[in-house]
N, C-alpha and C. Protein backbone atom coordinates (compact mmCIF):
# COMPACT_ATOMS: atom_id res chain seq x y z
N UNK A 1 0.94 -1.19 0.01
CA UNK A 1 -0.03 0.01 -0.03
C UNK A 1 0.91 1.21 0.03
N UNK A 2 0.65 2.14 -0.85
CA UNK A 2 1.43 3.36 -0.97
C UNK A 2 0.96 4.45 -0.21
N UNK A 3 -0.35 4.72 -0.15
CA UNK A 3 -0.96 5.84 0.51
C UNK A 3 -2.32 5.58 0.98
N UNK A 4 -2.75 6.33 2.04
CA UNK A 4 -4.10 6.30 2.52
C UNK A 4 -4.64 7.67 2.73
N UNK A 5 -5.76 7.87 2.20
CA UNK A 5 -6.51 9.13 2.40
C UNK A 5 -7.68 8.89 3.22
N UNK A 6 -7.59 9.07 4.58
CA UNK A 6 -8.70 8.72 5.41
C UNK A 6 -9.88 9.76 5.29
N UNK A 7 -9.59 10.98 4.97
CA UNK A 7 -10.69 11.87 4.79
C UNK A 7 -11.44 11.68 3.44
N UNK A 8 -10.66 11.35 2.36
CA UNK A 8 -11.24 11.20 1.09
C UNK A 8 -11.67 9.68 0.82
N UNK A 9 -11.37 8.86 1.95
CA UNK A 9 -11.77 7.38 1.86
C UNK A 9 -11.24 6.74 0.62
N UNK A 10 -9.86 6.79 0.35
CA UNK A 10 -9.23 5.98 -0.79
C UNK A 10 -7.89 5.54 -0.23
N UNK A 11 -7.51 4.43 -0.96
CA UNK A 11 -6.28 3.79 -0.86
C UNK A 11 -5.57 3.81 -2.14
N UNK A 12 -4.22 4.21 -2.13
CA UNK A 12 -3.50 3.97 -3.35
C UNK A 12 -2.64 2.82 -3.11
N UNK A 13 -2.69 1.90 -4.09
CA UNK A 13 -1.88 0.64 -4.05
C UNK A 13 -0.93 0.67 -5.16
N UNK A 14 0.22 0.03 -4.81
CA UNK A 14 1.23 -0.07 -6.04
C UNK A 14 1.15 -1.61 -6.36
N UNK A 15 0.73 -1.80 -7.68
CA UNK A 15 0.54 -3.17 -8.12
C UNK A 15 1.60 -3.50 -9.26
N UNK A 16 1.87 -4.78 -9.42
CA UNK A 16 2.89 -5.13 -10.40
C UNK A 16 2.13 -6.23 -11.14
N UNK A 17 2.12 -6.12 -12.56
CA UNK A 17 1.42 -7.05 -13.47
C UNK A 17 2.41 -7.12 -14.65
N UNK A 18 2.81 -8.30 -15.04
CA UNK A 18 3.63 -8.50 -16.27
C UNK A 18 4.81 -7.74 -16.21
N UNK A 19 5.46 -7.57 -15.02
CA UNK A 19 6.72 -6.93 -14.96
C UNK A 19 6.68 -5.32 -14.81
N UNK A 20 5.32 -4.81 -14.97
CA UNK A 20 5.13 -3.41 -14.90
C UNK A 20 4.43 -2.88 -13.62
N UNK A 21 5.01 -1.93 -12.99
CA UNK A 21 4.45 -1.49 -11.65
C UNK A 21 3.66 -0.15 -11.93
N UNK A 22 2.45 -0.13 -11.42
CA UNK A 22 1.70 1.19 -11.46
C UNK A 22 1.02 1.39 -10.20
N UNK A 23 0.55 2.63 -10.04
CA UNK A 23 -0.21 2.92 -8.82
C UNK A 23 -1.79 2.87 -9.15
N UNK A 24 -2.57 2.44 -8.24
CA UNK A 24 -3.98 2.27 -8.49
C UNK A 24 -4.80 2.92 -7.27
N UNK A 25 -5.66 3.81 -7.35
CA UNK A 25 -6.25 4.39 -6.33
C UNK A 25 -7.76 3.82 -6.25
N UNK A 26 -8.15 3.26 -5.13
CA UNK A 26 -9.38 2.55 -4.96
C UNK A 26 -10.23 3.30 -3.85
N UNK A 27 -11.44 3.59 -4.23
CA UNK A 27 -12.29 4.39 -3.23
C UNK A 27 -12.84 3.35 -2.38
N UNK A 28 -13.26 3.68 -1.08
CA UNK A 28 -13.91 2.83 -0.19
C UNK A 28 -15.30 3.39 0.03
N UNK A 29 -16.24 2.56 0.26
CA UNK A 29 -17.57 2.90 0.67
C UNK A 29 -17.69 3.03 2.18
N UNK A 30 -18.77 3.64 2.64
CA UNK A 30 -18.93 3.64 4.17
C UNK A 30 -18.90 2.37 4.77
N UNK A 31 -19.51 1.31 4.02
CA UNK A 31 -19.67 0.02 4.58
C UNK A 31 -18.45 -0.84 4.27
N UNK A 32 -17.39 -0.40 3.66
CA UNK A 32 -16.19 -1.21 3.43
C UNK A 32 -15.52 -1.56 4.77
N UNK A 33 -15.11 -2.82 4.79
CA UNK A 33 -14.60 -3.25 6.01
C UNK A 33 -12.93 -3.34 5.80
N UNK A 34 -12.27 -2.97 6.94
CA UNK A 34 -10.80 -2.99 7.04
C UNK A 34 -10.56 -4.02 8.18
N UNK A 35 -9.84 -5.14 7.98
CA UNK A 35 -9.59 -6.12 8.90
C UNK A 35 -8.20 -6.67 8.92
N UNK A 36 -7.85 -7.27 9.96
CA UNK A 36 -6.60 -8.05 9.98
C UNK A 36 -6.85 -9.36 10.75
N UNK A 37 -6.07 -10.38 10.60
CA UNK A 37 -6.24 -11.56 11.40
C UNK A 37 -5.22 -11.74 12.32
N UNK A 38 -5.41 -12.09 13.56
CA UNK A 38 -4.35 -12.23 14.65
C UNK A 38 -4.76 -13.40 15.53
N UNK A 39 -3.79 -13.85 16.24
CA UNK A 39 -3.92 -14.90 17.19
C UNK A 39 -4.96 -14.46 18.20
N UNK A 40 -5.91 -15.30 18.78
CA UNK A 40 -6.77 -14.90 19.75
C UNK A 40 -6.05 -14.65 21.06
N UNK A 41 -6.53 -13.65 21.82
CA UNK A 41 -5.80 -13.38 23.20
C UNK A 41 -6.18 -14.40 24.19
N UNK A 42 -7.31 -15.17 23.93
CA UNK A 42 -7.75 -16.24 24.93
C UNK A 42 -6.96 -17.46 24.81
N UNK A 43 -6.24 -17.93 25.86
CA UNK A 43 -5.38 -19.08 25.71
C UNK A 43 -6.10 -20.34 25.18
N UNK A 44 -7.36 -20.48 25.46
CA UNK A 44 -8.00 -21.71 24.97
C UNK A 44 -8.40 -21.80 23.50
N UNK A 45 -8.30 -20.58 22.88
CA UNK A 45 -8.65 -20.56 21.37
C UNK A 45 -7.36 -20.74 20.55
N UNK A 46 -7.63 -21.41 19.43
CA UNK A 46 -6.52 -21.56 18.47
C UNK A 46 -6.92 -20.93 17.09
N UNK A 47 -6.00 -20.92 16.27
CA UNK A 47 -6.28 -20.22 14.91
C UNK A 47 -6.02 -18.71 14.90
N UNK A 48 -6.94 -18.19 14.08
CA UNK A 48 -6.83 -16.78 13.97
C UNK A 48 -8.21 -16.07 14.14
N UNK A 49 -8.42 -14.96 14.60
CA UNK A 49 -9.61 -14.30 14.75
C UNK A 49 -9.56 -12.94 13.84
N UNK A 50 -10.66 -12.54 13.28
CA UNK A 50 -10.66 -11.35 12.43
C UNK A 50 -10.88 -10.19 13.36
N UNK A 51 -9.99 -9.13 13.23
CA UNK A 51 -10.14 -7.88 14.00
C UNK A 51 -10.41 -6.66 13.13
N UNK A 52 -11.46 -5.94 13.54
CA UNK A 52 -11.72 -4.81 12.70
C UNK A 52 -10.73 -3.62 13.05
N UNK A 53 -10.44 -2.95 11.82
CA UNK A 53 -9.55 -1.76 11.96
C UNK A 53 -10.16 -0.56 11.32
N UNK A 54 -9.71 0.63 11.78
CA UNK A 54 -10.18 1.82 11.12
C UNK A 54 -9.23 2.13 9.99
N UNK A 55 -9.80 2.82 9.01
CA UNK A 55 -8.94 3.12 7.79
C UNK A 55 -7.70 3.92 8.34
N UNK A 56 -7.82 4.76 9.30
CA UNK A 56 -6.73 5.51 9.83
C UNK A 56 -5.59 4.67 10.51
N UNK A 57 -6.03 3.33 10.83
CA UNK A 57 -4.98 2.43 11.51
C UNK A 57 -3.98 2.04 10.37
N UNK A 58 -4.32 1.97 9.10
CA UNK A 58 -3.44 1.49 8.02
C UNK A 58 -2.22 2.43 7.86
N UNK A 59 -1.12 1.83 7.51
CA UNK A 59 0.14 2.60 7.34
C UNK A 59 0.71 2.41 5.95
N UNK A 60 1.20 3.32 5.28
CA UNK A 60 1.88 3.18 3.94
C UNK A 60 2.95 2.01 4.16
N UNK A 61 3.16 1.22 3.09
CA UNK A 61 4.23 0.16 3.28
C UNK A 61 3.70 -1.19 3.66
N UNK A 62 2.48 -1.21 4.33
CA UNK A 62 1.82 -2.48 4.65
C UNK A 62 1.37 -3.10 3.38
N UNK A 63 1.41 -4.36 3.42
CA UNK A 63 0.97 -5.27 2.27
C UNK A 63 -0.65 -5.60 2.57
N UNK A 64 -1.54 -5.30 1.72
CA UNK A 64 -2.92 -5.59 1.80
C UNK A 64 -3.46 -6.32 0.69
N UNK A 65 -4.58 -7.01 0.94
CA UNK A 65 -5.36 -7.64 -0.10
C UNK A 65 -6.72 -6.93 -0.15
N UNK A 66 -7.11 -6.61 -1.29
CA UNK A 66 -8.35 -5.82 -1.37
C UNK A 66 -9.35 -6.54 -2.38
N UNK A 67 -10.48 -6.84 -1.75
CA UNK A 67 -11.64 -7.36 -2.52
C UNK A 67 -12.51 -6.20 -2.99
N UNK A 68 -12.60 -6.16 -4.28
CA UNK A 68 -13.30 -4.97 -5.02
C UNK A 68 -14.61 -5.49 -5.55
N UNK A 69 -15.48 -4.49 -5.78
CA UNK A 69 -16.71 -4.72 -6.57
C UNK A 69 -16.81 -3.69 -7.59
N UNK A 70 -17.28 -4.04 -8.82
CA UNK A 70 -17.56 -3.07 -9.81
C UNK A 70 -18.87 -2.30 -9.67
N UNK A 71 -18.67 -0.95 -9.49
CA UNK A 71 -19.94 -0.25 -9.11
C UNK A 71 -19.78 1.25 -9.76
N UNK A 72 -20.81 1.42 -10.48
CA UNK A 72 -20.81 2.74 -11.22
C UNK A 72 -19.59 3.14 -12.07
N UNK A 73 -19.11 2.07 -12.76
CA UNK A 73 -17.92 2.27 -13.63
C UNK A 73 -16.67 2.26 -12.98
N UNK A 74 -16.60 2.00 -11.62
CA UNK A 74 -15.40 1.98 -10.93
C UNK A 74 -15.24 0.77 -10.07
N UNK A 75 -13.96 0.39 -9.71
CA UNK A 75 -13.73 -0.70 -8.71
C UNK A 75 -13.84 -0.03 -7.33
N UNK A 76 -14.62 -0.54 -6.36
CA UNK A 76 -14.88 0.10 -5.01
C UNK A 76 -14.45 -1.01 -4.07
N UNK A 77 -13.62 -0.75 -3.14
CA UNK A 77 -13.16 -1.73 -2.05
C UNK A 77 -14.42 -2.11 -1.21
N UNK A 78 -14.54 -3.48 -1.03
CA UNK A 78 -15.47 -4.04 -0.09
C UNK A 78 -14.79 -4.40 1.15
N UNK A 79 -13.65 -5.09 1.01
CA UNK A 79 -12.87 -5.60 2.10
C UNK A 79 -11.36 -5.36 1.92
N UNK A 80 -10.73 -4.72 2.90
CA UNK A 80 -9.33 -4.48 2.90
C UNK A 80 -8.78 -5.38 3.98
N UNK A 81 -7.98 -6.46 3.55
CA UNK A 81 -7.30 -7.32 4.55
C UNK A 81 -5.81 -7.03 4.72
N UNK A 82 -5.47 -6.88 5.88
CA UNK A 82 -3.96 -6.61 6.10
C UNK A 82 -3.33 -7.93 6.07
N UNK A 83 -2.25 -8.05 5.21
CA UNK A 83 -1.56 -9.24 5.11
C UNK A 83 -0.22 -9.22 5.89
N UNK A 84 0.59 -8.11 5.73
CA UNK A 84 1.78 -8.00 6.44
C UNK A 84 1.89 -6.47 6.96
N UNK A 85 2.10 -6.28 8.20
CA UNK A 85 2.33 -4.92 8.70
C UNK A 85 3.84 -4.75 8.83
N UNK A 86 4.23 -3.59 8.23
CA UNK A 86 5.68 -3.26 8.24
C UNK A 86 6.03 -2.04 8.95
């Protein structure tokens, strides 16, 4: 992820396809989810649990996966999942 505009509700991602790198800006809707998966804090639980994050929690340089939906001629983020925090 290259940049976050929390007030404008957009993410700018750096993507690479066929050896070419480009920046893509993706708008978020009010109902878009931002999540990460972490180990549960309760000792009896195993695996990972989904934790909700605010858009302002994201930092440039983090690796994210974005699920988008085609809406009104644009790709709009539905779910932003943090893959690696740097």
